[in-house]
Amino acid sequence: MIKNILRIIIALIFLASGFVKAVDVVGFSFKLEEYFSPAVFNIPFLEKQALIIAVAVVAFELIFSFFLLLKSNLKFTLLVLIGLCVFFAFLTFYSAYFNVVTDCGCFGDALKFTPWQSFWKDIILLIGLSILYFLYRDDFDEIEEKTNFKKYLSAFAFMTMVFVINWGITHEPVIDFRDYKIGTDLNVEKQKIEKDPSEFKTFYSLKNDKTGEVLEVNQDDYVNNKKYWEEGSPWKIDESKTKSKLTKQGYESEIGKFKPETQEGVDLTDQILKAPKAILIFAYKPKEANINILAQSEAILSQQKDAFVYGISTDPGTFKTINNAMMDGTAIKTIARSNPFILTLEKGKIVDKRSAEDYIKQKK
């Protein structure tokens, strides 16, 4: 009884995790790109394969968590899930210890974990799977009953997985867990951020030239204690180890990073959010965007006389017939899953969002 309850709970956790990543597998691939980047594991040749790897990981997680739920191929299933847990535990520990990737993307944008929370979650799951392996060890050689119900349910689950993953890649996620979902008012979100901002403090690494003692002191204690800075003080600041740390978590929203600028550095945010209607086309990797899709999108947008139209990318020369604006590529990725992508706002409220290809089809 206990082992069945534990098996079902762990299977459902893996299914939830896999489903959320499957819904937005492109977003999960962005997270893998962070891990593959020079700043983390420095294996850039895998960055171009991130989407394929993301699909493979998600498929493995969903298929074998479903097998665990059905108690199918139990020994092999448990070994695969234990392997996945070890893999994710390594990634999350590395993220936490070296503070390089602040969110592992384990549950996509639906549920955010700090790196250490993600690591301990993986350790708990690993322990749970190991216990299951021990409890079910005598059942591994039992002949599994193949019923029509299991066959039909497995087929339905597989087709659902394929549909959800494919739809998220070719269109937009079936379920949008992001801050930029349709109906969100960017003006309201920005006001919330302004009313409850996060607070940071500078922490200095000080070394005593006489004793060799090293201290970490926050900016307030440093200013209030003159022994650290008065003339002749043996305490010296090591600038290379000076850090800014979060001391109060304010209202969190990716919308805080929404700040399109002209090539000259003029902030366009207020104009966009106050416009009766604004249509924005984004390209986070403009050189990889389909040239024909870009051209057709621009042709349609250039005819929108009643809207504030801008092309936003990481390159000031991306768009040829509409005004260009610049924004950080990572910030664009939080909005757009397609490259290019079109967002429609009315007085700062998101009323439509879709891939540029789907936008073109809608307008035909």
Protein backbone atom coordinates (compact mmCIF):
# COMPACT_ATOMS: atom_id res chain seq x y z
CA MET A 1 0.00 0.00 0.00
CA ILE A 2 2.71 2.49 1.04
CA LYS A 3 4.90 1.70 -1.95
CA ASN A 4 1.96 2.20 -4.34
CA ILE A 5 1.13 5.59 -2.82
CA LEU A 6 4.79 6.65 -3.02
CA ARG A 7 5.00 5.45 -6.63
CA ILE A 8 1.90 7.40 -7.66
CA ILE A 9 3.05 10.60 -5.90
CA ILE A 10 6.49 10.51 -7.52
CA ALA A 11 4.99 9.66 -10.92
CA LEU A 12 2.58 12.61 -10.69
CA ILE A 13 5.42 14.98 -9.73
CA PHE A 14 7.43 13.89 -12.77
CA LEU A 15 4.34 14.10 -14.99
CA ALA A 16 3.60 17.65 -13.80
CA SER A 17 7.21 18.69 -14.32
CA GLY A 18 7.36 17.09 -17.77
CA PHE A 19 4.00 18.48 -18.87
CA VAL A 20 4.88 22.07 -17.92
CA LYS A 21 8.15 21.78 -19.85
CA ALA A 22 6.37 20.10 -22.78
CA VAL A 23 3.86 22.96 -22.98
CA ASP A 24 6.74 25.41 -23.42
CA VAL A 25 9.56 23.25 -24.70
CA VAL A 26 11.08 26.24 -26.53
CA GLY A 27 11.36 28.06 -23.20
CA PHE A 28 13.04 24.98 -21.71
CA SER A 29 15.50 24.98 -24.62
CA PHE A 30 16.39 28.60 -23.77
CA LYS A 31 17.23 27.41 -20.26
CA LEU A 32 19.46 24.66 -21.66
CA GLU A 33 21.21 27.26 -23.83
CA GLU A 34 22.15 29.06 -20.61
CA TYR A 35 23.73 25.88 -19.27
CA PHE A 36 25.62 25.28 -22.53
CA SER A 37 26.88 28.89 -22.75
CA PRO A 38 30.54 29.84 -22.19
CA ALA A 39 29.61 31.38 -18.82
CA VAL A 40 28.47 28.00 -17.44
CA PHE A 41 29.63 24.68 -19.01
CA ASN A 42 31.24 26.26 -22.06
CA ILE A 43 29.93 23.77 -24.63
CA PRO A 44 28.57 26.24 -27.19
CA PHE A 45 28.30 23.64 -29.97
CA LEU A 46 25.32 22.20 -28.06
CA GLU A 47 23.50 25.55 -28.00
CA LYS A 48 22.24 24.98 -31.55
CA GLN A 49 20.98 21.55 -30.51
CA ALA A 50 19.23 22.86 -27.38
CA LEU A 51 15.71 22.44 -28.79
CA ILE A 52 16.33 18.83 -29.86
CA ILE A 53 17.86 18.02 -26.47
CA ALA A 54 14.95 19.75 -24.71
CA VAL A 55 12.40 17.67 -26.64
CA ALA A 56 14.33 14.46 -25.85
CA VAL A 57 14.58 15.24 -22.12
CA VAL A 58 10.89 16.17 -21.89
CA ALA A 59 9.82 13.06 -23.82
CA PHE A 60 11.93 10.83 -21.56
CA GLU A 61 10.51 12.47 -18.44
CA LEU A 62 6.89 12.16 -19.60
CA ILE A 63 7.10 8.66 -21.04
CA PHE A 64 8.86 7.10 -18.07
CA SER A 65 6.82 8.95 -15.46
CA PHE A 66 3.72 7.60 -17.26
CA PHE A 67 5.26 4.11 -17.18
CA LEU A 68 5.87 4.54 -13.45
CA LEU A 69 2.23 5.54 -12.95
CA LEU A 70 1.09 2.43 -14.83
CA LYS A 71 3.74 0.27 -13.13
CA SER A 72 5.07 -0.68 -16.54
CA ASN A 73 8.63 -2.01 -17.19
CA LEU A 74 9.22 -1.07 -13.59
CA LYS A 75 12.92 -1.87 -13.16
CA PHE A 76 14.02 -0.10 -16.34
CA THR A 77 11.62 2.79 -15.66
CA LEU A 78 13.00 3.37 -12.17
CA LEU A 79 16.60 3.24 -13.43
CA VAL A 80 15.85 5.82 -16.15
CA LEU A 81 14.13 8.17 -13.70
CA ILE A 82 16.97 7.77 -11.21
CA GLY A 83 19.37 8.70 -14.02
CA LEU A 84 17.27 11.76 -14.88
CA CYS A 85 17.26 12.78 -11.21
CA VAL A 86 21.05 12.48 -11.00
CA PHE A 87 21.36 14.58 -14.17
CA PHE A 88 19.03 17.32 -12.88
CA ALA A 89 20.61 17.23 -9.39
CA PHE A 90 24.01 17.87 -10.95
CA LEU A 91 22.68 20.82 -12.97
CA THR A 92 20.83 22.36 -10.03
CA PHE A 93 23.76 21.89 -7.64
CA TYR A 94 26.11 23.53 -10.14
CA SER A 95 23.63 26.40 -10.60
CA ALA A 96 23.24 26.87 -6.84
CA TYR A 97 26.87 26.51 -5.83
CA PHE A 98 28.32 28.73 -8.56
CA ASN A 99 25.22 30.99 -8.84
CA VAL A 100 25.23 30.86 -12.64
CA VAL A 101 21.65 29.93 -13.65
CA THR A 102 19.14 31.40 -11.23
CA ASP A 103 16.20 29.19 -12.28
CA CYS A 104 16.60 25.63 -13.57
CA GLY A 105 13.26 25.69 -15.40
CA CYS A 106 12.23 22.39 -13.74
CA PHE A 107 8.58 23.48 -13.74
CA GLY A 108 8.94 26.08 -16.49
CA ASP A 109 7.27 29.40 -15.73
CA ALA A 110 4.45 27.74 -13.79
CA LEU A 111 6.41 27.34 -10.57
CA LYS A 112 9.69 29.07 -9.80
CA PHE A 113 12.35 27.49 -7.60
CA THR A 114 15.64 28.93 -6.42
CA PRO A 115 18.63 26.78 -7.44
CA TRP A 116 19.01 25.35 -3.93
CA GLN A 117 15.29 24.57 -3.71
CA SER A 118 15.54 22.78 -7.06
CA PHE A 119 18.58 20.81 -5.89
CA TRP A 120 16.91 19.60 -2.69
CA LYS A 121 13.76 18.75 -4.64
CA ASP A 122 15.87 16.53 -6.91
CA ILE A 123 17.59 14.92 -3.92
CA ILE A 124 14.21 14.12 -2.29
CA LEU A 125 12.96 12.60 -5.55
CA LEU A 126 16.18 10.63 -5.91
CA ILE A 127 15.75 9.23 -2.39
CA GLY A 128 12.10 8.42 -3.13
CA LEU A 129 13.00 6.59 -6.35
CA SER A 130 15.76 4.65 -4.58
CA ILE A 131 13.26 3.57 -1.91
CA LEU A 132 10.83 2.48 -4.63
CA TYR A 133 13.56 0.45 -6.33
CA PHE A 134 14.23 -1.32 -3.01
CA LEU A 135 10.54 -1.89 -2.24
CA TYR A 136 9.69 -3.23 -5.71
CA ARG A 137 12.84 -5.31 -6.20
CA ASP A 138 10.91 -8.56 -5.77
CA ASP A 139 8.32 -7.53 -8.39
CA PHE A 140 10.75 -6.89 -11.25
CA ASP A 141 10.50 -10.41 -12.69
CA GLU A 142 6.72 -10.55 -12.60
CA ILE A 143 5.01 -10.86 -15.99
CA GLU A 144 3.27 -7.58 -16.74
CA GLU A 145 -0.39 -7.75 -17.68
CA LYS A 146 -1.01 -6.02 -21.02
CA THR A 147 -4.61 -4.81 -21.05
CA ASN A 148 -6.44 -2.93 -23.79
CA PHE A 149 -7.03 -0.10 -21.32
CA LYS A 150 -3.29 0.36 -20.84
CA LYS A 151 -2.69 0.23 -24.60
CA TYR A 152 -5.35 2.82 -25.42
CA LEU A 153 -4.36 5.07 -22.52
CA SER A 154 -0.69 4.90 -23.52
CA ALA A 155 -1.53 5.72 -27.14
CA PHE A 156 -3.70 8.67 -26.08
CA ALA A 157 -1.01 9.97 -23.72
CA PHE A 158 1.67 9.68 -26.41
CA MET A 159 -0.43 11.53 -29.02
CA THR A 160 -1.25 14.25 -26.47
CA MET A 161 2.44 14.68 -25.69
CA VAL A 162 3.34 14.96 -29.39
CA PHE A 163 0.55 17.48 -30.00
CA VAL A 164 1.45 19.67 -27.00
CA ILE A 165 5.19 19.72 -27.81
CA ASN A 166 4.63 20.34 -31.53
CA TRP A 167 2.08 23.11 -30.91
CA GLY A 168 4.44 24.89 -28.53
CA ILE A 169 7.21 24.79 -31.14
CA THR A 170 5.19 25.79 -34.21
CA HIS A 171 2.80 28.23 -32.54
CA GLU A 172 2.58 29.35 -28.90
CA PRO A 173 2.32 27.24 -25.72
CA VAL A 174 -1.11 25.60 -25.31
CA ILE A 175 -1.16 26.99 -21.77
CA ASP A 176 0.70 30.24 -21.13
CA PHE A 177 2.37 30.37 -17.71
CA ARG A 178 4.46 33.43 -18.52
CA ASP A 179 4.09 36.98 -17.21
CA TYR A 180 3.24 38.13 -20.75
CA LYS A 181 0.00 36.15 -21.12
CA ILE A 182 -2.98 37.61 -22.99
CA GLY A 183 -4.98 39.95 -20.75
CA THR A 184 -1.97 41.19 -18.80
CA ASP A 185 -1.83 44.98 -18.36
CA LEU A 186 1.82 46.03 -18.53
CA ASN A 187 1.02 49.42 -16.97
CA VAL A 188 -0.50 47.76 -13.90
CA GLU A 189 2.42 45.34 -13.62
CA LYS A 190 4.95 48.15 -13.80
CA GLN A 191 3.09 50.06 -11.09
CA LYS A 192 3.23 47.00 -8.84
CA ILE A 193 6.97 46.75 -9.41
CA GLU A 194 7.45 50.45 -8.59
CA LYS A 195 5.37 50.20 -5.39
CA ASP A 196 7.22 47.12 -4.13
CA PRO A 197 10.75 47.19 -5.54
CA SER A 198 13.43 44.68 -4.66
CA GLU A 199 16.21 46.06 -2.49
CA PHE A 200 19.90 45.37 -2.88
CA LYS A 201 22.89 46.20 -0.73
CA THR A 202 26.56 46.31 -1.57
CA PHE A 203 28.78 44.00 0.42
CA TYR A 204 32.48 44.82 0.63
CA SER A 205 35.23 42.28 1.11
CA LEU A 206 37.71 43.90 3.53
CA LYS A 207 41.21 42.70 4.39
CA ASN A 208 43.23 43.87 7.37
CA ASP A 209 46.78 44.62 6.17
CA LYS A 210 48.18 44.09 9.66
CA THR A 211 46.47 40.85 10.74
CA GLY A 212 45.45 39.38 7.37
CA GLU A 213 41.86 39.03 8.63
CA VAL A 214 39.16 39.11 5.94
CA LEU A 215 35.61 40.37 6.56
CA GLU A 216 32.48 40.83 4.46
CA VAL A 217 30.69 44.03 5.49
CA ASN A 218 27.50 45.52 4.06
CA GLN A 219 27.41 49.13 2.93
CA ASP A 220 25.57 50.41 6.03
CA ASP A 221 27.98 48.85 8.51
CA TYR A 222 30.90 50.09 6.43
CA VAL A 223 29.67 53.70 6.48
CA ASN A 224 28.65 53.64 10.16
CA ASN A 225 31.93 52.21 11.44
CA LYS A 226 34.77 54.62 10.72
CA LYS A 227 37.46 52.10 11.67
CA TYR A 228 36.99 50.63 8.20
CA TRP A 229 37.60 53.88 6.30
CA GLU A 230 39.26 56.49 8.53
CA GLU A 231 42.69 57.72 7.58
CA GLY A 232 45.36 55.17 8.43
CA SER A 233 42.86 52.29 8.69
CA PRO A 234 44.43 48.87 8.03
CA TRP A 235 41.19 47.71 6.38
CA LYS A 236 41.29 47.77 2.59
CA ILE A 237 38.49 46.97 0.12
CA ASP A 238 39.07 44.14 -2.36
CA GLU A 239 37.12 45.53 -5.32
CA SER A 240 37.21 42.21 -7.18
CA LYS A 241 35.14 40.60 -4.42
CA THR A 242 32.62 43.41 -3.90
CA LYS A 243 29.09 42.07 -4.44
CA SER A 244 25.55 43.36 -4.69
CA LYS A 245 23.12 41.11 -2.81
CA LEU A 246 19.34 40.97 -2.70
CA THR A 247 18.20 41.97 0.80
CA LYS A 248 14.43 42.31 0.16
CA GLN A 249 12.48 40.53 -2.53
CA GLY A 250 9.94 42.87 -4.07
CA TYR A 251 7.20 42.19 -6.58
CA GLU A 252 8.60 39.82 -9.19
CA SER A 253 7.67 40.14 -12.85
CA GLU A 254 9.61 39.70 -16.08
CA ILE A 255 7.73 42.78 -17.30
CA GLY A 256 10.23 44.85 -15.33
CA LYS A 257 12.70 44.08 -18.13
CA PHE A 258 10.40 45.45 -20.84
CA LYS A 259 12.38 48.48 -22.07
CA PRO A 260 12.60 48.96 -25.84
CA GLU A 261 15.02 51.72 -26.86
CA THR A 262 15.99 53.46 -30.08
CA GLN A 263 19.50 53.04 -31.41
CA GLU A 264 20.30 56.38 -29.74
CA GLY A 265 19.16 55.08 -26.35
CA VAL A 266 15.75 56.79 -26.19
CA ASP A 267 13.35 54.77 -23.99
CA LEU A 268 10.15 53.95 -25.90
CA THR A 269 8.36 52.19 -23.04
CA ASP A 270 5.93 54.98 -22.12
CA GLN A 271 5.00 55.67 -25.75
CA ILE A 272 4.25 52.01 -26.35
CA LEU A 273 2.25 51.48 -23.15
CA LYS A 274 0.20 54.67 -23.57
CA ALA A 275 -0.60 54.12 -27.25
CA PRO A 276 -4.26 53.28 -28.02
CA LYS A 277 -2.86 50.43 -30.07
CA ALA A 278 0.70 49.21 -30.43
CA ILE A 279 1.88 46.34 -32.64
CA LEU A 280 5.39 45.10 -31.97
CA ILE A 281 7.33 42.54 -33.96
CA PHE A 282 10.18 40.86 -32.06
CA ALA A 283 13.21 38.90 -33.25
CA TYR A 284 15.57 37.59 -30.55
CA LYS A 285 17.88 36.06 -33.19
CA PRO A 286 17.33 38.33 -36.23
CA LYS A 287 20.04 36.69 -38.34
CA GLU A 288 18.33 33.31 -37.98
CA ALA A 289 14.81 34.62 -38.69
CA ASN A 290 13.09 33.61 -41.92
CA ILE A 291 13.67 36.50 -44.35
CA ASN A 292 10.38 35.95 -46.19
CA ILE A 293 8.37 35.90 -42.95
CA LEU A 294 10.07 39.12 -41.84
CA ALA A 295 9.36 40.80 -45.17
CA GLN A 296 5.69 39.72 -45.25
CA SER A 297 5.19 40.78 -41.63
CA GLU A 298 6.70 44.19 -42.29
CA ALA A 299 4.52 44.65 -45.37
CA ILE A 300 1.41 44.05 -43.28
CA LEU A 301 2.55 46.16 -40.31
CA SER A 302 3.62 49.10 -42.47
CA GLN A 303 -0.03 49.41 -43.54
CA GLN A 304 -1.27 49.69 -39.94
CA LYS A 305 -1.89 53.44 -39.90
CA ASP A 306 -3.94 53.37 -36.69
CA ALA A 307 -1.24 51.68 -34.59
CA PHE A 308 2.12 52.48 -33.02
CA VAL A 309 4.38 50.04 -34.89
CA TYR A 310 7.94 49.06 -34.02
CA GLY A 311 10.31 46.24 -34.83
CA ILE A 312 12.28 45.18 -31.75
CA SER A 313 15.40 43.03 -31.92
CA THR A 314 19.05 42.85 -30.91
CA ASP A 315 20.17 44.42 -34.21
CA PRO A 316 19.28 48.01 -35.20
CA GLY A 317 19.16 47.07 -38.88
CA THR A 318 16.79 44.11 -38.68
CA PHE A 319 13.67 45.80 -40.03
CA LYS A 320 13.75 47.65 -43.35
CA THR A 321 10.38 49.38 -43.70
CA ILE A 322 9.33 50.03 -40.08
CA ASN A 323 11.05 51.72 -37.17
CA ASN A 324 13.70 49.71 -35.32
CA ALA A 325 14.13 49.46 -31.57
CA MET A 326 16.58 47.54 -29.42
CA MET A 327 16.06 45.26 -26.44
CA ASP A 328 18.08 42.62 -24.64
CA GLY A 329 17.78 39.21 -26.33
CA THR A 330 17.01 37.39 -23.09
CA ALA A 331 14.25 39.89 -22.28
CA ILE A 332 12.76 39.33 -25.75
CA LYS A 333 12.77 35.56 -25.19
CA THR A 334 10.55 35.98 -22.12
CA ILE A 335 7.94 37.51 -24.45
CA ALA A 336 8.45 35.62 -27.68
CA ARG A 337 8.84 31.90 -28.31
CA SER A 338 8.84 32.31 -32.09
CA ASN A 339 11.46 34.15 -34.13
CA PRO A 340 9.93 36.50 -35.34
CA PHE A 341 6.91 37.08 -33.12
CA ILE A 342 4.13 39.71 -32.98
CA LEU A 343 2.61 41.26 -29.85
CA THR A 344 -0.45 43.53 -29.92
CA LEU A 345 -1.21 45.95 -27.06
CA GLU A 346 -4.11 48.30 -26.41
CA LYS A 347 -3.18 50.99 -23.89
CA GLY A 348 -0.55 48.63 -22.49
CA LYS A 349 -2.83 45.59 -22.24
CA ILE A 350 -1.89 42.46 -24.20
CA VAL A 351 -4.76 41.60 -26.53
CA ASP A 352 -3.00 39.27 -28.95
CA LYS A 353 0.29 37.40 -29.31
CA ARG A 354 1.32 34.92 -31.96
CA SER A 355 4.16 33.86 -34.20
CA ALA A 356 4.70 36.13 -37.19
CA GLU A 357 3.82 33.21 -39.46
CA ASP A 358 0.45 32.75 -37.74
CA TYR A 359 -0.09 36.53 -37.81
CA ILE A 360 0.40 36.56 -41.59
CA LYS A 361 -2.10 33.69 -42.01
CA GLN A 362 -4.61 35.57 -39.84
CA LYS A 363 -4.36 38.68 -42.01
CA LYS A 364 -4.72 36.90 -45.34
